[in-house]
Structures are given as structure tokens and as C-alpha cells.
Amino acid sequence: MSKAGSKLIKSANQALAYARSEISEGFIAHIPEDVDVKSIRLGLGLTQPEFSLRFGFDVRALQDWEQKRRQPERAARVLLTVIAHDPEAVSRALAH
């Protein structure tokens, strides 16, 4: 994994730990309560199956989020927020 990918994973893990109240120092993570998943996906020009495969989401969960039947859990909202800002960094970090 690249240095950037390692830093991204470390940062995401720190944000998740902060969100779970496991740590309280260093920064304040602003995790949105609502994420427009469909807008993020369409902005990348991906189908639901392509988006799910690229970023590791279950396609049924993605469909539920887009149809507002369910809200993404906090960790998924963190990842979706990172995808919205830098999808290539997430792709690099998740590549085998």
C-alpha cells in the first residue's frame, strides 16, 4: 500500500475511534448526519454495482441508502465523505 493510502486508512481509523468516543484529543471529526449517496455515485459516473464493487459496499445497502429506506451507519458516512472529497485516494487505499 502506498504512503498516501496508509495515511488515509490511519486517518479514517482515527476518525472512527473519535466518533466512537474511544479518543477525544487531537481533532474534531465532522461526520455528516445525512449523505447524498446517489449524488456522490452519479458524480463519479458509476452504476450502483460499479460503485459498490469499487468501494466495498453491499449493493443492496447502497440501494437502500439511495432510496432513503436506510441511513448509512456512522463509519459508512465517514467513508462516503472521504469518497466525495477524494475518491482516488480511497481507491488506491483499497487496491490489492
Protein backbone atom coordinates (compact mmCIF):
# COMPACT_ATOMS: atom_id res chain seq x y z
CA MET A 1 0.00 0.00 0.00
CA SER A 2 1.21 3.49 -0.79
CA LYS A 3 2.14 6.04 1.87
CA ALA A 4 -0.93 8.09 0.97
CA GLY A 5 -3.14 5.01 1.26
CA SER A 6 -1.67 4.14 4.64
CA LYS A 7 -2.22 7.69 5.89
CA LEU A 8 -5.80 7.65 4.63
CA ILE A 9 -6.57 4.37 6.40
CA LYS A 10 -4.91 5.63 9.59
CA SER A 11 -6.89 8.88 9.45
CA ALA A 12 -10.16 7.03 8.82
CA ASN A 13 -9.45 4.72 11.76
CA GLN A 14 -8.68 7.71 13.99
CA ALA A 15 -11.89 9.43 12.90
CA LEU A 16 -13.87 6.29 13.63
CA ALA A 17 -12.25 5.94 17.07
CA TYR A 18 -13.09 9.57 17.78
CA ALA A 19 -16.68 9.05 16.60
CA ARG A 20 -16.98 6.07 18.93
CA SER A 21 -15.65 8.24 21.80
CA GLU A 22 -12.62 5.96 22.13
CA ILE A 23 -10.35 9.02 21.85
CA SER A 24 -11.12 12.67 22.46
CA GLU A 25 -7.89 14.52 21.65
CA GLY A 26 -6.23 15.77 18.50
CA PHE A 27 -9.03 16.87 16.23
CA ILE A 28 -12.75 17.13 15.84
CA ALA A 29 -14.28 14.93 13.16
CA HIS A 30 -17.28 16.47 11.45
CA ILE A 31 -19.33 13.50 10.33
CA PRO A 32 -22.46 14.46 8.42
CA GLU A 33 -25.79 13.13 9.63
CA ASP A 34 -27.03 12.86 6.05
CA VAL A 35 -25.01 11.90 2.98
CA ASP A 36 -26.37 12.15 -0.57
CA VAL A 37 -25.06 8.79 -1.69
CA LYS A 38 -26.72 8.93 -5.11
CA SER A 39 -25.17 12.31 -5.84
CA ILE A 40 -21.71 11.03 -4.91
CA ARG A 41 -22.14 7.95 -7.10
CA LEU A 42 -23.54 9.86 -10.07
CA GLY A 43 -20.77 12.44 -9.75
CA LEU A 44 -18.30 9.64 -10.31
CA GLY A 45 -20.28 8.32 -13.28
CA LEU A 46 -20.68 4.87 -11.73
CA THR A 47 -23.59 2.44 -11.70
CA GLN A 48 -24.71 1.05 -8.36
CA PRO A 49 -22.87 -2.26 -8.93
CA GLU A 50 -19.70 -0.42 -10.03
CA PHE A 51 -19.75 1.92 -7.02
CA SER A 52 -20.40 -0.98 -4.64
CA LEU A 53 -17.58 -3.05 -6.06
CA ARG A 54 -15.09 -0.18 -6.21
CA PHE A 55 -15.63 0.96 -2.62
CA GLY A 56 -16.66 -2.28 -0.87
CA PHE A 57 -20.33 -1.57 -0.17
CA ASP A 58 -23.13 -4.10 -0.40
CA VAL A 59 -25.21 -3.16 -3.45
CA ARG A 60 -28.46 -3.71 -1.52
CA ALA A 61 -27.31 -1.32 1.21
CA LEU A 62 -26.41 1.23 -1.46
CA GLN A 63 -29.87 0.89 -3.00
CA ASP A 64 -31.50 1.35 0.43
CA TRP A 65 -29.40 4.46 1.10
CA GLU A 66 -30.26 5.98 -2.26
CA GLN A 67 -33.97 5.29 -1.83
CA LYS A 68 -33.83 6.70 1.74
CA ARG A 69 -35.06 3.40 3.20
CA ARG A 70 -31.98 3.35 5.45
CA GLN A 71 -29.28 5.77 6.54
CA PRO A 72 -25.63 4.75 6.27
CA GLU A 73 -24.10 3.95 9.65
CA ARG A 74 -21.53 6.38 11.05
CA ALA A 75 -18.49 4.50 9.69
CA ALA A 76 -20.06 4.32 6.23
CA ARG A 77 -20.79 8.07 6.36
CA VAL A 78 -17.13 8.69 7.18
CA LEU A 79 -16.02 6.62 4.18
CA LEU A 80 -18.65 8.20 1.91
CA THR A 81 -17.45 11.65 2.95
CA VAL A 82 -13.87 10.73 2.06
CA ILE A 83 -15.06 9.27 -1.26
CA ALA A 84 -16.90 12.52 -2.02
CA HIS A 85 -13.70 14.53 -1.43
CA ASP A 86 -11.01 12.20 -2.82
CA PRO A 87 -12.32 9.01 -4.45
CA GLU A 88 -8.96 8.14 -5.99
CA ALA A 89 -7.26 8.10 -2.58
CA VAL A 90 -9.86 5.61 -1.36
CA SER A 91 -9.44 3.51 -4.49
CA ARG A 92 -5.67 3.44 -4.03
CA ALA A 93 -6.01 2.56 -0.36
CA LEU A 94 -8.40 -0.32 -1.08
CA ALA A 95 -6.50 -1.72 -4.09
CA HIS A 96 -4.89 -5.13 -3.71
